[in-house]
């Protein structure tokens, strides 16, 4: 077959899985001494982009420079770093890696919830600092009698709901539309759900439409005994409003795996003892990250074989010619 040139804009996953380099020519742009000059030279030949990280911004400005681009394969379920609408208008397919990371992220979500409610990281520090020798650790809040409100009842949201129900939590949810087969109470507005729950679990997609959807009003509606957990995208939460609520006691605690300007986390957030913070590790097990890499490359393999993408995003469904 003729050489198939693939652009890899940024370094992301440690290893691109499988034997894909036997089938295509990978151009790792970040290794080039002059990336822009290299891109200009390669642009007419590039037929695919591998976005190995959410830092690989694949917008209209980049795609418009690649006249023969056919497909963008992305690593991860979220794809707000890719302008899928722009791609759809021009017949470019975008794929992501749903399904293979749902259970891992749901585990992390529940771990963050438990850690935030029961102050488990704080209690461990208390022991390590030798303070248990002087007095028992103070009593904490509990999961008992709580309601979890899930913002975004997709695949990951449902996996979290199953775990939360096993812990005895009541479940309610909010999303763009009611799901007729979901056995949970639906709230048509986020503020309405926030008033009805005391654990707000954020699992919705990122992007312009959801930026700061969890603002001061929503946080205040969750209340001073409430917990906010975010394992989706940092952009969904007004970070400064969250910091203020935690500092002023208008919110009990937060568990965060994602932030607005990763990997930069504000010092005032780090200083808060009622915030449990993780460095975006929701899916970061060797098993799951390998499965994500395998699915990403399987999408490209399937495309090369003329079978179409395996997991296209909704904006670019596969319609075989």
C-alpha atoms as a PDB file:
ATOM      1  CA  UNK A   1       0.000   0.000   0.000  1.00  0.00           C
ATOM      2  CA  UNK A   2       1.061   3.594  -0.493  1.00  0.00           C
ATOM      3  CA  UNK A   3       2.653   5.306   2.474  1.00  0.00           C
ATOM      4  CA  UNK A   4       0.084   6.713   4.898  1.00  0.00           C
ATOM      5  CA  UNK A   5       1.467   9.743   6.741  1.00  0.00           C
ATOM      6  CA  UNK A   6       0.273  10.329  10.300  1.00  0.00           C
ATOM      7  CA  UNK A   7       0.901  13.416  12.414  1.00  0.00           C
ATOM      8  CA  UNK A   8       1.506  13.047  16.173  1.00  0.00           C
ATOM      9  CA  UNK A   9       1.462  16.676  17.427  1.00  0.00           C
ATOM     10  CA  UNK A  10       2.520  16.220  21.076  1.00  0.00           C
ATOM     11  CA  UNK A  11       4.061  13.613  23.315  1.00  0.00           C
ATOM     12  CA  UNK A  12       1.401  11.836  25.318  1.00  0.00           C
ATOM     13  CA  UNK A  13       1.187   8.134  26.058  1.00  0.00           C
ATOM     14  CA  UNK A  14       4.544   6.475  26.495  1.00  0.00           C
ATOM     15  CA  UNK A  15       4.078   3.969  23.712  1.00  0.00           C
ATOM     16  CA  UNK A  16       1.837   3.816  20.671  1.00  0.00           C
ATOM     17  CA  UNK A  17       0.647   0.236  20.798  1.00  0.00           C
ATOM     18  CA  UNK A  18       0.650  -2.506  18.222  1.00  0.00           C
ATOM     19  CA  UNK A  19       2.438  -2.684  14.890  1.00  0.00           C
ATOM     20  CA  UNK A  20       1.004   0.528  13.497  1.00  0.00           C
ATOM     21  CA  UNK A  21       4.441   1.841  12.489  1.00  0.00           C
ATOM     22  CA  UNK A  22       4.729  -1.062  10.055  1.00  0.00           C
ATOM     23  CA  UNK A  23       1.707   0.342   8.233  1.00  0.00           C
ATOM     24  CA  UNK A  24       2.137   4.119   8.473  1.00  0.00           C
ATOM     25  CA  UNK A  25       4.782   6.811   8.700  1.00  0.00           C
ATOM     26  CA  UNK A  26       4.507   8.509  12.097  1.00  0.00           C
ATOM     27  CA  UNK A  27       5.713  12.117  12.265  1.00  0.00           C
ATOM     28  CA  UNK A  28       6.314  13.080  15.899  1.00  0.00           C
ATOM     29  CA  UNK A  29       6.092  16.832  15.633  1.00  0.00           C
ATOM     30  CA  UNK A  30       7.345  17.633  19.128  1.00  0.00           C
ATOM     31  CA  UNK A  31      10.729  16.047  18.332  1.00  0.00           C
ATOM     32  CA  UNK A  32      11.354  18.338  15.372  1.00  0.00           C
ATOM     33  CA  UNK A  33      13.766  21.279  15.867  1.00  0.00           C
ATOM     34  CA  UNK A  34      11.382  23.523  13.916  1.00  0.00           C
ATOM     35  CA  UNK A  35       7.846  22.070  14.296  1.00  0.00           C
ATOM     36  CA  UNK A  36       6.092  24.714  12.214  1.00  0.00           C
ATOM     37  CA  UNK A  37       8.509  24.374   9.340  1.00  0.00           C
ATOM     38  CA  UNK A  38       8.143  20.593   9.450  1.00  0.00           C
ATOM     39  CA  UNK A  39       4.365  20.860   9.537  1.00  0.00           C
ATOM     40  CA  UNK A  40       4.357  23.130   6.484  1.00  0.00           C
ATOM     41  CA  UNK A  41       6.463  20.600   4.592  1.00  0.00           C
ATOM     42  CA  UNK A  42       4.398  17.569   5.613  1.00  0.00           C
ATOM     43  CA  UNK A  43       0.936  19.153   5.420  1.00  0.00           C
ATOM     44  CA  UNK A  44      -0.112  17.906   1.944  1.00  0.00           C
ATOM     45  CA  UNK A  45       0.796  14.306   2.835  1.00  0.00           C
ATOM     46  CA  UNK A  46      -0.857  14.009   6.269  1.00  0.00           C
ATOM     47  CA  UNK A  47      -3.925  11.761   6.181  1.00  0.00           C
ATOM     48  CA  UNK A  48      -4.407  11.149   9.906  1.00  0.00           C
ATOM     49  CA  UNK A  49      -3.685  12.711  13.284  1.00  0.00           C
ATOM     50  CA  UNK A  50      -3.025  10.749  16.452  1.00  0.00           C
ATOM     51  CA  UNK A  51      -3.962  12.901  19.451  1.00  0.00           C
ATOM     52  CA  UNK A  52      -2.164  11.135  22.296  1.00  0.00           C
ATOM     53  CA  UNK A  53      -3.167  13.655  24.957  1.00  0.00           C
ATOM     54  CA  UNK A  54      -5.765  16.338  25.662  1.00  0.00           C
ATOM     55  CA  UNK A  55      -2.867  18.764  25.191  1.00  0.00           C
ATOM     56  CA  UNK A  56      -2.915  17.905  21.489  1.00  0.00           C
ATOM     57  CA  UNK A  57      -5.219  20.708  20.368  1.00  0.00           C
ATOM     58  CA  UNK A  58      -6.699  19.693  17.031  1.00  0.00           C
ATOM     59  CA  UNK A  59      -8.700  22.737  16.002  1.00  0.00           C
ATOM     60  CA  UNK A  60      -9.856  24.152  12.705  1.00  0.00           C
ATOM     61  CA  UNK A  61      -6.644  26.135  12.343  1.00  0.00           C
ATOM     62  CA  UNK A  62      -4.571  22.949  12.387  1.00  0.00           C
ATOM     63  CA  UNK A  63      -6.914  20.783  10.314  1.00  0.00           C
ATOM     64  CA  UNK A  64      -7.328  23.467   7.658  1.00  0.00           C
ATOM     65  CA  UNK A  65      -3.590  23.194   6.982  1.00  0.00           C
ATOM     66  CA  UNK A  66      -3.949  19.499   6.123  1.00  0.00           C
ATOM     67  CA  UNK A  67      -5.889  19.287   2.826  1.00  0.00           C
ATOM     68  CA  UNK A  68      -5.878  15.470   2.707  1.00  0.00           C
ATOM     69  CA  UNK A  69      -6.728  14.776   6.342  1.00  0.00           C
ATOM     70  CA  UNK A  70      -9.177  11.871   6.679  1.00  0.00           C
ATOM     71  CA  UNK A  71      -9.296  10.933  10.361  1.00  0.00           C
ATOM     72  CA  UNK A  72      -8.300  12.098  13.854  1.00  0.00           C
ATOM     73  CA  UNK A  73      -7.856   9.278  16.373  1.00  0.00           C
ATOM     74  CA  UNK A  74      -7.818  10.433  19.974  1.00  0.00           C
ATOM     75  CA  UNK A  75      -6.659   8.843  23.218  1.00  0.00           C
ATOM     76  CA  UNK A  76      -9.324   9.231  25.897  1.00  0.00           C
ATOM     77  CA  UNK A  77     -13.080   9.427  26.093  1.00  0.00           C
ATOM     78  CA  UNK A  78     -13.206  13.233  26.315  1.00  0.00           C
ATOM     79  CA  UNK A  79     -12.434  15.093  23.092  1.00  0.00           C
ATOM     80  CA  UNK A  80     -12.977  18.773  23.882  1.00  0.00           C
ATOM     81  CA  UNK A  81      -9.436  19.396  22.591  1.00  0.00           C
ATOM     82  CA  UNK A  82     -10.677  18.505  19.089  1.00  0.00           C
ATOM     83  CA  UNK A  83     -13.054  20.648  17.044  1.00  0.00           C
ATOM     84  CA  UNK A  84     -15.298  17.740  16.066  1.00  0.00           C
ATOM     85  CA  UNK A  85     -17.955  20.044  14.609  1.00  0.00           C
ATOM     86  CA  UNK A  86     -15.391  21.596  12.244  1.00  0.00           C
ATOM     87  CA  UNK A  87     -14.220  18.128  11.244  1.00  0.00           C
ATOM     88  CA  UNK A  88     -17.782  16.917  10.666  1.00  0.00           C
ATOM     89  CA  UNK A  89     -18.533  19.774   8.280  1.00  0.00           C
ATOM     90  CA  UNK A  90     -15.585  18.688   6.141  1.00  0.00           C
ATOM     91  CA  UNK A  91     -16.068  14.940   6.228  1.00  0.00           C
ATOM     92  CA  UNK A  92     -13.214  14.244   8.626  1.00  0.00           C
ATOM     93  CA  UNK A  93     -13.812  11.402  11.083  1.00  0.00           C
ATOM     94  CA  UNK A  94     -12.930  11.801  14.776  1.00  0.00           C
ATOM     95  CA  UNK A  95     -12.631   8.806  17.108  1.00  0.00           C
ATOM     96  CA  UNK A  96     -12.158   8.431  20.845  1.00  0.00           C
ATOM     97  CA  UNK A  97     -11.797   5.555  23.336  1.00  0.00           C
ATOM     98  CA  UNK A  98     -15.070   5.076  25.235  1.00  0.00           C
ATOM     99  CA  UNK A  99     -15.974   2.018  27.257  1.00  0.00           C
ATOM    100  CA  UNK A 100     -12.506   0.743  28.120  1.00  0.00           C
ATOM    101  CA  UNK A 101     -11.911   3.263  30.920  1.00  0.00           C
ATOM    102  CA  UNK A 102     -15.376   3.467  32.492  1.00  0.00           C
ATOM    103  CA  UNK A 103     -14.774   1.126  35.419  1.00  0.00           C
ATOM    104  CA  UNK A 104     -11.361   2.571  36.313  1.00  0.00           C
ATOM    105  CA  UNK A 105     -12.647   6.141  36.359  1.00  0.00           C
ATOM    106  CA  UNK A 106     -15.714   5.087  38.358  1.00  0.00           C
ATOM    107  CA  UNK A 107     -13.435   3.453  40.932  1.00  0.00           C
ATOM    108  CA  UNK A 108     -11.459   6.682  41.214  1.00  0.00           C
ATOM    109  CA  UNK A 109     -14.650   8.709  41.554  1.00  0.00           C
ATOM    110  CA  UNK A 110     -15.825   6.634  44.505  1.00  0.00           C
ATOM    111  CA  UNK A 111     -12.359   6.692  46.066  1.00  0.00           C
ATOM    112  CA  UNK A 112     -12.368  10.501  45.861  1.00  0.00           C
ATOM    113  CA  UNK A 113     -15.850  10.596  47.368  1.00  0.00           C
ATOM    114  CA  UNK A 114     -14.844   8.428  50.320  1.00  0.00           C
ATOM    115  CA  UNK A 115     -11.574  10.292  50.793  1.00  0.00           C
ATOM    116  CA  UNK A 116     -13.321  13.677  50.806  1.00  0.00           C
ATOM    117  CA  UNK A 117     -16.159  12.676  53.134  1.00  0.00           C
ATOM    118  CA  UNK A 118     -14.087  10.676  55.626  1.00  0.00           C
ATOM    119  CA  UNK A 119     -10.920  12.833  55.368  1.00  0.00           C
ATOM    120  CA  UNK A 120      -8.805   9.757  54.677  1.00  0.00           C
ATOM    121  CA  UNK A 121      -5.713  11.553  53.285  1.00  0.00           C
ATOM    122  CA  UNK A 122      -5.820  13.967  56.210  1.00  0.00           C
ATOM    123  CA  UNK A 123      -6.097  11.090  58.672  1.00  0.00           C
ATOM    124  CA  UNK A 124      -3.109   9.353  57.092  1.00  0.00           C
ATOM    125  CA  UNK A 125      -1.029  12.523  57.379  1.00  0.00           C
ATOM    126  CA  UNK A 126      -2.122  12.799  61.012  1.00  0.00           C
ATOM    127  CA  UNK A 127      -0.713   9.328  61.708  1.00  0.00           C
ATOM    128  CA  UNK A 128       2.496   9.888  59.745  1.00  0.00           C
ATOM    129  CA  UNK A 129       3.150  13.128  61.611  1.00  0.00           C
ATOM    130  CA  UNK A 130       2.970  11.285  64.921  1.00  0.00           C
ATOM    131  CA  UNK A 131      -0.065  13.216  66.116  1.00  0.00           C
ATOM    132  CA  UNK A 132      -2.076  10.054  66.923  1.00  0.00           C
ATOM    133  CA  UNK A 133       0.275   9.606  69.896  1.00  0.00           C
ATOM    134  CA  UNK A 134      -1.265  12.701  71.435  1.00  0.00           C
ATOM    135  CA  UNK A 135      -4.954  12.280  70.547  1.00  0.00           C
ATOM    136  CA  UNK A 136      -7.331  10.307  68.329  1.00  0.00           C
ATOM    137  CA  UNK A 137      -8.165  11.779  64.930  1.00  0.00           C
ATOM    138  CA  UNK A 138     -11.308  13.960  65.106  1.00  0.00           C
ATOM    139  CA  UNK A 139     -14.638  12.516  64.004  1.00  0.00           C
ATOM    140  CA  UNK A 140     -15.580  13.108  60.377  1.00  0.00           C
ATOM    141  CA  UNK A 141     -18.674  13.379  58.215  1.00  0.00           C
ATOM    142  CA  UNK A 142     -20.238  10.185  56.847  1.00  0.00           C
ATOM    143  CA  UNK A 143     -21.730   8.746  53.677  1.00  0.00           C
ATOM    144  CA  UNK A 144     -24.768   7.609  55.624  1.00  0.00           C
ATOM    145  CA  UNK A 145     -28.038   9.203  54.576  1.00  0.00           C
ATOM    146  CA  UNK A 146     -26.589  11.066  51.613  1.00  0.00           C
ATOM    147  CA  UNK A 147     -27.834  11.626  48.071  1.00  0.00           C
ATOM    148  CA  UNK A 148     -25.449  11.680  45.116  1.00  0.00           C
ATOM    149  CA  UNK A 149     -26.410  13.905  42.200  1.00  0.00           C
ATOM    150  CA  UNK A 150     -24.670  12.828  39.010  1.00  0.00           C
ATOM    151  CA  UNK A 151     -24.064  15.504  36.396  1.00  0.00           C
ATOM    152  CA  UNK A 152     -23.788  13.461  33.204  1.00  0.00           C
ATOM    153  CA  UNK A 153     -25.295   9.974  33.345  1.00  0.00           C
ATOM    154  CA  UNK A 154     -23.317   8.465  30.485  1.00  0.00           C
ATOM    155  CA  UNK A 155     -21.323   5.247  30.579  1.00  0.00           C
ATOM    156  CA  UNK A 156     -19.012   6.465  33.351  1.00  0.00           C
ATOM    157  CA  UNK A 157     -21.887   8.106  35.224  1.00  0.00           C
ATOM    158  CA  UNK A 158     -23.816   4.822  35.221  1.00  0.00           C
ATOM    159  CA  UNK A 159     -20.742   2.926  36.461  1.00  0.00           C
ATOM    160  CA  UNK A 160     -20.437   5.420  39.318  1.00  0.00           C
ATOM    161  CA  UNK A 161     -24.150   5.099  40.061  1.00  0.00           C
ATOM    162  CA  UNK A 162     -23.827   1.313  40.438  1.00  0.00           C
ATOM    163  CA  UNK A 163     -21.029   1.759  42.948  1.00  0.00           C
ATOM    164  CA  UNK A 164     -22.773   4.547  44.829  1.00  0.00           C
ATOM    165  CA  UNK A 165     -25.955   2.484  45.120  1.00  0.00           C
ATOM    166  CA  UNK A 166     -23.911  -0.373  46.598  1.00  0.00           C
ATOM    167  CA  UNK A 167     -22.719   2.075  49.259  1.00  0.00           C
ATOM    168  CA  UNK A 168     -26.344   2.814  50.133  1.00  0.00           C
ATOM    169  CA  UNK A 169     -26.529   6.250  48.536  1.00  0.00           C
ATOM    170  CA  UNK A 170     -29.664   7.590  46.879  1.00  0.00           C
ATOM    171  CA  UNK A 171     -29.008   8.579  43.247  1.00  0.00           C
ATOM    172  CA  UNK A 172     -30.433  11.448  41.201  1.00  0.00           C
ATOM    173  CA  UNK A 173     -29.128  12.872  37.949  1.00  0.00           C
ATOM    174  CA  UNK A 174     -29.118  15.779  35.526  1.00  0.00           C
ATOM    175  CA  UNK A 175     -28.149  15.804  31.862  1.00  0.00           C
ATOM    176  CA  UNK A 176     -29.191  17.267  28.552  1.00  0.00           C
ATOM    177  CA  UNK A 177     -32.177  14.943  28.429  1.00  0.00           C
ATOM    178  CA  UNK A 178     -34.004  12.424  30.577  1.00  0.00           C
ATOM    179  CA  UNK A 179     -33.064   8.785  30.007  1.00  0.00           C
ATOM    180  CA  UNK A 180     -36.232   6.687  29.972  1.00  0.00           C
ATOM    181  CA  UNK A 181     -34.429   3.523  31.040  1.00  0.00           C
ATOM    182  CA  UNK A 182     -32.534   5.124  33.953  1.00  0.00           C
ATOM    183  CA  UNK A 183     -33.946   3.989  37.333  1.00  0.00           C
ATOM    184  CA  UNK A 184     -33.071   7.298  39.013  1.00  0.00           C
ATOM    185  CA  UNK A 185     -34.925  10.560  39.544  1.00  0.00           C
ATOM    186  CA  UNK A 186     -34.160  13.068  36.783  1.00  0.00           C
ATOM    187  CA  UNK A 187     -33.825  16.813  37.399  1.00  0.00           C
ATOM    188  CA  UNK A 188     -34.294  19.004  34.326  1.00  0.00           C
ATOM    189  CA  UNK A 189     -32.087  21.745  35.833  1.00  0.00           C
ATOM    190  CA  UNK A 190     -28.666  21.479  37.438  1.00  0.00           C
ATOM    191  CA  UNK A 191     -29.547  23.938  40.189  1.00  0.00           C
ATOM    192  CA  UNK A 192     -32.603  21.853  41.052  1.00  0.00           C
ATOM    193  CA  UNK A 193     -30.498  18.713  41.342  1.00  0.00           C
ATOM    194  CA  UNK A 194     -27.859  20.539  43.380  1.00  0.00           C
ATOM    195  CA  UNK A 195     -30.497  21.521  45.944  1.00  0.00           C
ATOM    196  CA  UNK A 196     -31.633  17.889  46.160  1.00  0.00           C
ATOM    197  CA  UNK A 197     -28.206  16.304  46.697  1.00  0.00           C
ATOM    198  CA  UNK A 198     -25.277  16.674  49.049  1.00  0.00           C
ATOM    199  CA  UNK A 199     -22.696  14.939  46.848  1.00  0.00           C
ATOM    200  CA  UNK A 200     -22.359  16.518  43.417  1.00  0.00           C
ATOM    201  CA  UNK A 201     -20.548  14.107  41.097  1.00  0.00           C
ATOM    202  CA  UNK A 202     -19.345  15.775  37.886  1.00  0.00           C
ATOM    203  CA  UNK A 203     -19.009  13.422  34.912  1.00  0.00           C
ATOM    204  CA  UNK A 204     -20.181  15.606  32.000  1.00  0.00           C
ATOM    205  CA  UNK A 205     -18.101  16.375  28.879  1.00  0.00           C
ATOM    206  CA  UNK A 206     -15.899  19.443  28.725  1.00  0.00           C
ATOM    207  CA  UNK A 207     -16.067  22.181  26.110  1.00  0.00           C
ATOM    208  CA  UNK A 208     -17.481  25.644  25.621  1.00  0.00           C
ATOM    209  CA  UNK A 209     -21.067  24.558  26.330  1.00  0.00           C
ATOM    210  CA  UNK A 210     -20.242  23.285  29.832  1.00  0.00           C
ATOM    211  CA  UNK A 211     -17.566  25.772  30.892  1.00  0.00           C
ATOM    212  CA  UNK A 212     -18.178  26.840  34.520  1.00  0.00           C
ATOM    213  CA  UNK A 213     -21.548  25.090  34.550  1.00  0.00           C
ATOM    214  CA  UNK A 214     -20.833  24.417  38.218  1.00  0.00           C
ATOM    215  CA  UNK A 215     -20.705  28.013  39.428  1.00  0.00           C
ATOM    216  CA  UNK A 216     -21.206  29.688  42.799  1.00  0.00           C
ATOM    217  CA  UNK A 217     -24.981  29.283  42.656  1.00  0.00           C
ATOM    218  CA  UNK A 218     -24.706  25.535  42.070  1.00  0.00           C
ATOM    219  CA  UNK A 219     -22.037  25.119  44.744  1.00  0.00           C
ATOM    220  CA  UNK A 220     -24.112  27.051  47.274  1.00  0.00           C
ATOM    221  CA  UNK A 221     -27.118  24.894  46.399  1.00  0.00           C
ATOM    222  CA  UNK A 222     -25.151  21.763  47.342  1.00  0.00           C
ATOM    223  CA  UNK A 223     -24.702  23.423  50.719  1.00  0.00           C
ATOM    224  CA  UNK A 224     -22.331  23.598  53.688  1.00  0.00           C
ATOM    225  CA  UNK A 225     -22.586  19.841  54.372  1.00  0.00           C
ATOM    226  CA  UNK A 226     -22.009  19.041  50.708  1.00  0.00           C
ATOM    227  CA  UNK A 227     -19.183  17.576  48.680  1.00  0.00           C
ATOM    228  CA  UNK A 228     -18.212  18.307  45.066  1.00  0.00           C
ATOM    229  CA  UNK A 229     -16.336  15.573  43.184  1.00  0.00           C
ATOM    230  CA  UNK A 230     -14.964  16.233  39.696  1.00  0.00           C
ATOM    231  CA  UNK A 231     -13.449  13.495  37.541  1.00  0.00           C
ATOM    232  CA  UNK A 232     -14.505  15.002  34.184  1.00  0.00           C
ATOM    233  CA  UNK A 233     -12.787  18.231  33.110  1.00  0.00           C
ATOM    234  CA  UNK A 234     -11.580  21.123  35.224  1.00  0.00           C
ATOM    235  CA  UNK A 235     -13.336  23.592  32.933  1.00  0.00           C
ATOM    236  CA  UNK A 236     -16.773  22.515  34.192  1.00  0.00           C
ATOM    237  CA  UNK A 237     -16.165  24.107  37.612  1.00  0.00           C
ATOM    238  CA  UNK A 238     -15.611  27.754  38.424  1.00  0.00           C
ATOM    239  CA  UNK A 239     -12.403  27.002  40.314  1.00  0.00           C
ATOM    240  CA  UNK A 240     -12.212  30.315  42.148  1.00  0.00           C
ATOM    241  CA  UNK A 241     -15.828  29.989  43.280  1.00  0.00           C
ATOM    242  CA  UNK A 242     -15.064  26.487  44.553  1.00  0.00           C
ATOM    243  CA  UNK A 243     -11.994  27.676  46.446  1.00  0.00           C
ATOM    244  CA  UNK A 244     -13.996  30.470  48.075  1.00  0.00           C
ATOM    245  CA  UNK A 245     -16.781  28.089  49.106  1.00  0.00           C
ATOM    246  CA  UNK A 246     -14.322  25.625  50.664  1.00  0.00           C
ATOM    247  CA  UNK A 247     -12.445  28.397  52.450  1.00  0.00           C
ATOM    248  CA  UNK A 248     -15.594  30.071  53.781  1.00  0.00           C
ATOM    249  CA  UNK A 249     -17.342  26.873  54.906  1.00  0.00           C
ATOM    250  CA  UNK A 250     -20.141  27.095  52.326  1.00  0.00           C
ATOM    251  CA  UNK A 251     -19.049  23.636  51.136  1.00  0.00           C
ATOM    252  CA  UNK A 252     -17.794  20.814  53.334  1.00  0.00           C
ATOM    253  CA  UNK A 253     -15.222  19.262  51.012  1.00  0.00           C
ATOM    254  CA  UNK A 254     -14.154  18.576  47.442  1.00  0.00           C
ATOM    255  CA  UNK A 255     -12.485  15.687  45.646  1.00  0.00           C
ATOM    256  CA  UNK A 256     -10.799  16.758  42.425  1.00  0.00           C
ATOM    257  CA  UNK A 257      -8.929  14.789  39.790  1.00  0.00           C
ATOM    258  CA  UNK A 258      -9.027  17.581  37.198  1.00  0.00           C
ATOM    259  CA  UNK A 259      -8.281  21.309  37.171  1.00  0.00           C
ATOM    260  CA  UNK A 260      -8.752  24.344  34.956  1.00  0.00           C
ATOM    261  CA  UNK A 261      -5.099  24.796  33.939  1.00  0.00           C
ATOM    262  CA  UNK A 262      -3.436  21.407  34.281  1.00  0.00           C
ATOM    263  CA  UNK A 263      -0.871  20.667  35.553  1.00  0.00           C
ATOM    264  CA  UNK A 264      -0.976  24.021  37.330  1.00  0.00           C
ATOM    265  CA  UNK A 265      -3.029  23.847  40.524  1.00  0.00           C
ATOM    266  CA  UNK A 266      -3.576  27.107  42.447  1.00  0.00           C
ATOM    267  CA  UNK A 267      -1.620  27.351  45.686  1.00  0.00           C
ATOM    268  CA  UNK A 268      -4.752  28.487  47.510  1.00  0.00           C
ATOM    269  CA  UNK A 269      -6.454  25.218  46.520  1.00  0.00           C
ATOM    270  CA  UNK A 270      -3.463  23.136  47.579  1.00  0.00           C
ATOM    271  CA  UNK A 271      -3.489  24.930  50.945  1.00  0.00           C
ATOM    272  CA  UNK A 272      -7.072  23.870  51.714  1.00  0.00           C
ATOM    273  CA  UNK A 273      -7.229  20.869  54.028  1.00  0.00           C
ATOM    274  CA  UNK A 274     -10.812  20.099  52.989  1.00  0.00           C
ATOM    275  CA  UNK A 275      -9.822  19.445  49.371  1.00  0.00           C
ATOM    276  CA  UNK A 276      -8.565  16.036  48.224  1.00  0.00           C
ATOM    277  CA  UNK A 277      -6.493  16.538  45.070  1.00  0.00           C
ATOM    278  CA  UNK A 278      -5.270  13.995  42.511  1.00  0.00           C
ATOM    279  CA  UNK A 279      -3.094  14.659  39.410  1.00  0.00           C
ATOM    280  CA  UNK A 280      -5.630  13.558  36.752  1.00  0.00           C
ATOM    281  CA  UNK A 281      -5.212   9.833  37.387  1.00  0.00           C
ATOM    282  CA  UNK A 282      -8.817   8.699  36.918  1.00  0.00           C
ATOM    283  CA  UNK A 283      -7.938   6.126  34.251  1.00  0.00           C
ATOM    284  CA  UNK A 284      -4.240   5.885  35.079  1.00  0.00           C
ATOM    285  CA  UNK A 285      -3.697   2.190  35.644  1.00  0.00           C
ATOM    286  CA  UNK A 286      -1.378   0.260  33.352  1.00  0.00           C
ATOM    287  CA  UNK A 287      -4.232  -2.062  32.384  1.00  0.00           C
ATOM    288  CA  UNK A 288      -6.665   0.695  31.423  1.00  0.00           C
ATOM    289  CA  UNK A 289      -4.206   3.023  29.741  1.00  0.00           C
ATOM    290  CA  UNK A 290      -3.015   0.123  27.567  1.00  0.00           C
ATOM    291  CA  UNK A 291      -6.610  -0.692  26.644  1.00  0.00           C
ATOM    292  CA  UNK A 292      -7.135   2.951  25.675  1.00  0.00           C
ATOM    293  CA  UNK A 293      -3.995   2.968  23.523  1.00  0.00           C
ATOM    294  CA  UNK A 294      -5.028  -0.309  21.887  1.00  0.00           C
ATOM    295  CA  UNK A 295      -8.482   1.035  21.006  1.00  0.00           C
ATOM    296  CA  UNK A 296      -7.034   4.268  19.663  1.00  0.00           C
ATOM    297  CA  UNK A 297      -4.755   2.360  17.295  1.00  0.00           C
ATOM    298  CA  UNK A 298      -7.489  -0.169  16.458  1.00  0.00           C
ATOM    299  CA  UNK A 299      -9.544   2.744  15.119  1.00  0.00           C
ATOM    300  CA  UNK A 300      -6.693   3.690  12.797  1.00  0.00           C
ATOM    301  CA  UNK A 301      -6.085   0.065  11.769  1.00  0.00           C
ATOM    302  CA  UNK A 302      -9.756  -0.378  10.960  1.00  0.00           C
ATOM    303  CA  UNK A 303      -9.702   2.799   8.888  1.00  0.00           C
ATOM    304  CA  UNK A 304      -6.656   1.602   6.956  1.00  0.00           C
ATOM    305  CA  UNK A 305      -8.429  -1.697   6.310  1.00  0.00           C
ATOM    306  CA  UNK A 306     -11.388   0.139   4.779  1.00  0.00           C
ATOM    307  CA  UNK A 307     -13.771  -0.985   7.518  1.00  0.00           C
ATOM    308  CA  UNK A 308     -14.391   2.464   8.967  1.00  0.00           C
ATOM    309  CA  UNK A 309     -13.810   3.652  12.533  1.00  0.00           C
ATOM    310  CA  UNK A 310     -14.713   1.495  15.520  1.00  0.00           C
ATOM    311  CA  UNK A 311     -15.678   4.264  17.957  1.00  0.00           C
ATOM    312  CA  UNK A 312     -16.405   7.537  16.137  1.00  0.00           C
ATOM    313  CA  UNK A 313     -17.623  10.490  18.186  1.00  0.00           C
ATOM    314  CA  UNK A 314     -21.311  11.408  17.771  1.00  0.00           C
ATOM    315  CA  UNK A 315     -20.498  14.452  15.638  1.00  0.00           C
ATOM    316  CA  UNK A 316     -18.818  12.285  12.972  1.00  0.00           C
ATOM    317  CA  UNK A 317     -20.782   9.053  12.638  1.00  0.00           C
ATOM    318  CA  UNK A 318     -19.486   6.613  10.056  1.00  0.00           C
ATOM    319  CA  UNK A 319     -21.548   6.435   6.903  1.00  0.00           C
ATOM    320  CA  UNK A 320     -19.830   4.029   4.564  1.00  0.00           C
ATOM    321  CA  UNK A 321     -19.827   5.240   0.967  1.00  0.00           C
END
